[in-house]
Amino acid sequence: MVKVNLNVRVEKSEMEILENYAQQTGRTKTDIIREYIRSLAIRRPPHHPSD
């Protein structure tokens, strides 16, 4: 599997949330973000009134 880099800007408070969650769960920030992205594949996109 080919991997690519992703740079994301977040607020300091958001980074603190992610870092705290990673520390509490013993997981890496990358692992948490990857899991969330994969979870998007099984969710339905929100309905837009213009559709």
N, C-alpha and C. Protein backbone atom coordinates (compact mmCIF):
# COMPACT_ATOMS: atom_id res chain seq x y z
N MET A 1 0.84 -1.17 0.00
CA MET A 1 0.00 0.00 0.00
C MET A 1 0.88 1.23 0.00
N VAL A 2 0.59 2.15 -0.90
CA VAL A 2 1.35 3.39 -0.99
C VAL A 2 0.83 4.36 0.06
N LYS A 3 1.72 4.98 0.78
CA LYS A 3 1.33 5.95 1.79
C LYS A 3 1.72 7.34 1.32
N VAL A 4 0.90 8.31 1.68
CA VAL A 4 1.16 9.71 1.35
C VAL A 4 1.11 10.53 2.64
N ASN A 5 1.71 11.68 2.60
CA ASN A 5 1.69 12.57 3.76
C ASN A 5 0.48 13.49 3.68
N LEU A 6 -0.04 13.83 4.83
CA LEU A 6 -1.16 14.76 4.95
C LEU A 6 -0.82 15.77 6.03
N ASN A 7 -0.84 17.02 5.67
CA ASN A 7 -0.60 18.09 6.65
C ASN A 7 -1.92 18.78 6.93
N VAL A 8 -2.25 18.90 8.21
CA VAL A 8 -3.50 19.50 8.61
C VAL A 8 -3.23 20.54 9.69
N ARG A 9 -3.86 21.69 9.54
CA ARG A 9 -3.74 22.73 10.57
C ARG A 9 -4.94 22.62 11.50
N VAL A 10 -4.66 22.56 12.79
CA VAL A 10 -5.73 22.51 13.79
C VAL A 10 -5.44 23.55 14.86
N GLU A 11 -6.49 23.91 15.57
CA GLU A 11 -6.33 24.82 16.70
C GLU A 11 -5.52 24.12 17.80
N LYS A 12 -4.86 24.91 18.61
CA LYS A 12 -4.07 24.34 19.71
C LYS A 12 -4.95 23.48 20.61
N SER A 13 -6.17 23.94 20.88
CA SER A 13 -7.07 23.18 21.75
C SER A 13 -7.45 21.84 21.13
N GLU A 14 -7.58 21.79 19.81
CA GLU A 14 -7.90 20.53 19.13
C GLU A 14 -6.73 19.56 19.21
N MET A 15 -5.52 20.09 19.07
CA MET A 15 -4.34 19.24 19.19
C MET A 15 -4.21 18.68 20.60
N GLU A 16 -4.54 19.49 21.58
CA GLU A 16 -4.49 19.02 22.97
C GLU A 16 -5.50 17.90 23.19
N ILE A 17 -6.68 18.02 22.60
CA ILE A 17 -7.68 16.96 22.70
C ILE A 17 -7.14 15.67 22.10
N LEU A 18 -6.55 15.78 20.91
CA LEU A 18 -6.01 14.60 20.24
C LEU A 18 -4.86 13.99 21.04
N GLU A 19 -3.97 14.82 21.54
CA GLU A 19 -2.84 14.33 22.32
C GLU A 19 -3.30 13.66 23.61
N ASN A 20 -4.28 14.25 24.27
CA ASN A 20 -4.80 13.65 25.50
C ASN A 20 -5.46 12.31 25.21
N TYR A 21 -6.24 12.25 24.16
CA TYR A 21 -6.90 11.00 23.79
C TYR A 21 -5.86 9.92 23.45
N ALA A 22 -4.84 10.30 22.70
CA ALA A 22 -3.79 9.35 22.34
C ALA A 22 -3.09 8.83 23.60
N GLN A 23 -2.79 9.71 24.51
CA GLN A 23 -2.12 9.30 25.75
C GLN A 23 -3.02 8.37 26.58
N GLN A 24 -4.29 8.72 26.69
CA GLN A 24 -5.22 7.91 27.49
C GLN A 24 -5.44 6.52 26.90
N THR A 25 -5.41 6.43 25.58
CA THR A 25 -5.68 5.15 24.93
C THR A 25 -4.42 4.38 24.57
N GLY A 26 -3.25 5.01 24.73
CA GLY A 26 -2.00 4.34 24.39
C GLY A 26 -1.80 4.15 22.90
N ARG A 27 -2.43 5.00 22.12
CA ARG A 27 -2.32 4.90 20.66
C ARG A 27 -1.63 6.14 20.12
N THR A 28 -1.18 6.05 18.88
CA THR A 28 -0.56 7.21 18.26
C THR A 28 -1.63 8.12 17.66
N LYS A 29 -1.28 9.39 17.50
CA LYS A 29 -2.20 10.33 16.86
C LYS A 29 -2.51 9.88 15.44
N THR A 30 -1.51 9.37 14.75
CA THR A 30 -1.70 8.88 13.39
C THR A 30 -2.71 7.75 13.36
N ASP A 31 -2.60 6.81 14.28
CA ASP A 31 -3.52 5.68 14.33
C ASP A 31 -4.95 6.15 14.56
N ILE A 32 -5.13 7.11 15.46
CA ILE A 32 -6.46 7.63 15.75
C ILE A 32 -7.06 8.31 14.53
N ILE A 33 -6.28 9.12 13.85
CA ILE A 33 -6.78 9.82 12.66
C ILE A 33 -7.08 8.85 11.53
N ARG A 34 -6.22 7.85 11.33
CA ARG A 34 -6.48 6.84 10.29
C ARG A 34 -7.78 6.11 10.57
N GLU A 35 -8.00 5.72 11.82
CA GLU A 35 -9.23 5.01 12.16
C GLU A 35 -10.46 5.88 11.87
N TYR A 36 -10.36 7.16 12.21
CA TYR A 36 -11.49 8.05 11.95
C TYR A 36 -11.75 8.16 10.45
N ILE A 37 -10.71 8.32 9.66
CA ILE A 37 -10.87 8.42 8.20
C ILE A 37 -11.52 7.17 7.65
N ARG A 38 -11.05 6.00 8.10
CA ARG A 38 -11.66 4.74 7.63
C ARG A 38 -13.13 4.66 8.02
N SER A 39 -13.49 5.21 9.17
CA SER A 39 -14.89 5.16 9.60
C SER A 39 -15.78 6.00 8.68
N LEU A 40 -15.22 6.96 8.00
CA LEU A 40 -16.00 7.79 7.08
C LEU A 40 -16.48 6.99 5.88
N ALA A 41 -15.77 5.95 5.53
CA ALA A 41 -16.13 5.14 4.37
C ALA A 41 -17.44 4.39 4.59
N ILE A 42 -17.82 4.16 5.83
CA ILE A 42 -19.05 3.42 6.09
C ILE A 42 -20.21 4.33 6.47
N ARG A 43 -19.97 5.62 6.55
CA ARG A 43 -21.02 6.58 6.88
C ARG A 43 -21.62 7.14 5.60
N ARG A 44 -22.88 7.46 5.67
CA ARG A 44 -23.52 8.11 4.54
C ARG A 44 -23.24 9.59 4.59
N PRO A 45 -22.98 10.20 3.47
CA PRO A 45 -22.76 11.66 3.49
C PRO A 45 -24.06 12.37 3.87
N PRO A 46 -23.95 13.54 4.49
CA PRO A 46 -25.15 14.28 4.89
C PRO A 46 -25.96 14.71 3.67
N HIS A 47 -27.26 14.76 3.81
CA HIS A 47 -28.13 15.19 2.74
C HIS A 47 -28.10 16.71 2.65
N HIS A 48 -27.88 17.21 1.45
CA HIS A 48 -27.87 18.66 1.21
C HIS A 48 -29.18 19.05 0.56
N PRO A 49 -29.82 20.12 1.04
CA PRO A 49 -31.10 20.54 0.48
C PRO A 49 -31.05 20.83 -1.02
N SER A 50 -29.88 21.17 -1.54
CA SER A 50 -29.76 21.48 -2.97
C SER A 50 -29.72 20.23 -3.84
N ASP A 51 -29.65 19.05 -3.24
CA ASP A 51 -29.60 17.80 -4.02
C ASP A 51 -30.96 17.42 -4.54
